[in-house]
């Protein structure tokens, strides 16, 4: 398949645009994952702190 210089240029531009879009989506997914991880971590720490306080008051 022989491409003209213009076709190559168009193909390369499309590939660049596709790569840029893929990176945007990847960054958005990474951010969503990180935000969810932090939320779950905070919930776990709060739950563990409450359990610790409950255990300390029960042992007194």
C-alpha atoms as a PDB file:
ATOM      1  CA  UNK A   1       0.000   0.000   0.000  1.00  0.00           C
ATOM      2  CA  UNK A   2       1.676   3.142  -1.226  1.00  0.00           C
ATOM      3  CA  UNK A   3       0.505   6.329   0.374  1.00  0.00           C
ATOM      4  CA  UNK A   4       0.916   9.784  -1.005  1.00  0.00           C
ATOM      5  CA  UNK A   5       2.778  12.271   1.163  1.00  0.00           C
ATOM      6  CA  UNK A   6      -0.545  13.947   1.996  1.00  0.00           C
ATOM      7  CA  UNK A   7      -2.116  10.638   3.013  1.00  0.00           C
ATOM      8  CA  UNK A   8       0.877   9.884   5.245  1.00  0.00           C
ATOM      9  CA  UNK A   9       0.595  13.314   6.805  1.00  0.00           C
ATOM     10  CA  UNK A  10      -3.137  12.826   7.412  1.00  0.00           C
ATOM     11  CA  UNK A  11      -2.555   9.345   8.860  1.00  0.00           C
ATOM     12  CA  UNK A  12       0.162  10.615  11.188  1.00  0.00           C
ATOM     13  CA  UNK A  13      -2.039  13.505  12.330  1.00  0.00           C
ATOM     14  CA  UNK A  14      -4.885  11.079  13.064  1.00  0.00           C
ATOM     15  CA  UNK A  15      -2.560   8.776  14.992  1.00  0.00           C
ATOM     16  CA  UNK A  16      -1.288  11.708  17.036  1.00  0.00           C
ATOM     17  CA  UNK A  17      -4.849  12.788  17.800  1.00  0.00           C
ATOM     18  CA  UNK A  18      -5.796   9.225  18.789  1.00  0.00           C
ATOM     19  CA  UNK A  19      -2.756   8.943  21.059  1.00  0.00           C
ATOM     20  CA  UNK A  20      -3.550  12.270  22.688  1.00  0.00           C
ATOM     21  CA  UNK A  21      -7.145  11.206  23.345  1.00  0.00           C
ATOM     22  CA  UNK A  22      -5.995   7.862  24.748  1.00  0.00           C
ATOM     23  CA  UNK A  23      -3.635   9.619  27.173  1.00  0.00           C
ATOM     24  CA  UNK A  24      -6.416  11.959  28.323  1.00  0.00           C
ATOM     25  CA  UNK A  25      -8.649   8.969  29.009  1.00  0.00           C
ATOM     26  CA  UNK A  26      -5.829   7.146  30.789  1.00  0.00           C
ATOM     27  CA  UNK A  27      -5.128  10.133  33.047  1.00  0.00           C
ATOM     28  CA  UNK A  28      -8.836  10.492  33.846  1.00  0.00           C
ATOM     29  CA  UNK A  29      -9.049   6.794  34.742  1.00  0.00           C
ATOM     30  CA  UNK A  30      -5.918   7.042  36.887  1.00  0.00           C
ATOM     31  CA  UNK A  31      -7.359  10.043  38.747  1.00  0.00           C
ATOM     32  CA  UNK A  32     -10.680   8.280  39.331  1.00  0.00           C
ATOM     33  CA  UNK A  33      -8.853   5.207  40.652  1.00  0.00           C
ATOM     34  CA  UNK A  34      -6.634   7.300  42.948  1.00  0.00           C
ATOM     35  CA  UNK A  35      -9.569   9.343  44.258  1.00  0.00           C
ATOM     36  CA  UNK A  36     -11.550   6.174  45.002  1.00  0.00           C
ATOM     37  CA  UNK A  37      -8.502   4.603  46.666  1.00  0.00           C
ATOM     38  CA  UNK A  38      -8.095   7.644  48.917  1.00  0.00           C
ATOM     39  CA  UNK A  39     -11.803   7.638  49.819  1.00  0.00           C
ATOM     40  CA  UNK A  40     -11.717   3.959  50.734  1.00  0.00           C
ATOM     41  CA  UNK A  41      -8.500   4.439  52.711  1.00  0.00           C
ATOM     42  CA  UNK A  42     -10.075   7.269  54.724  1.00  0.00           C
ATOM     43  CA  UNK A  43     -13.174   5.158  55.395  1.00  0.00           C
ATOM     44  CA  UNK A  44     -11.022   2.225  56.555  1.00  0.00           C
ATOM     45  CA  UNK A  45      -8.928   4.438  58.834  1.00  0.00           C
ATOM     46  CA  UNK A  46     -12.056   5.965  60.367  1.00  0.00           C
ATOM     47  CA  UNK A  47     -13.553   2.515  60.901  1.00  0.00           C
ATOM     48  CA  UNK A  48     -10.328   1.225  62.482  1.00  0.00           C
ATOM     49  CA  UNK A  49     -10.098   4.276  64.759  1.00  0.00           C
ATOM     50  CA  UNK A  50     -13.696   3.763  65.893  1.00  0.00           C
ATOM     51  CA  UNK A  51     -13.036   0.076  66.563  1.00  0.00           C
ATOM     52  CA  UNK A  52      -9.891   0.967  68.507  1.00  0.00           C
ATOM     53  CA  UNK A  53     -11.766   3.481  70.668  1.00  0.00           C
ATOM     54  CA  UNK A  54     -14.529   0.948  71.235  1.00  0.00           C
ATOM     55  CA  UNK A  55     -12.023  -1.736  72.264  1.00  0.00           C
ATOM     56  CA  UNK A  56     -10.207   0.647  74.617  1.00  0.00           C
ATOM     57  CA  UNK A  57     -13.414   1.699  76.358  1.00  0.00           C
ATOM     58  CA  UNK A  58     -14.535  -1.925  76.666  1.00  0.00           C
ATOM     59  CA  UNK A  59     -11.269  -2.949  78.328  1.00  0.00           C
ATOM     60  CA  UNK A  60     -11.550  -0.276  81.046  1.00  0.00           C
END
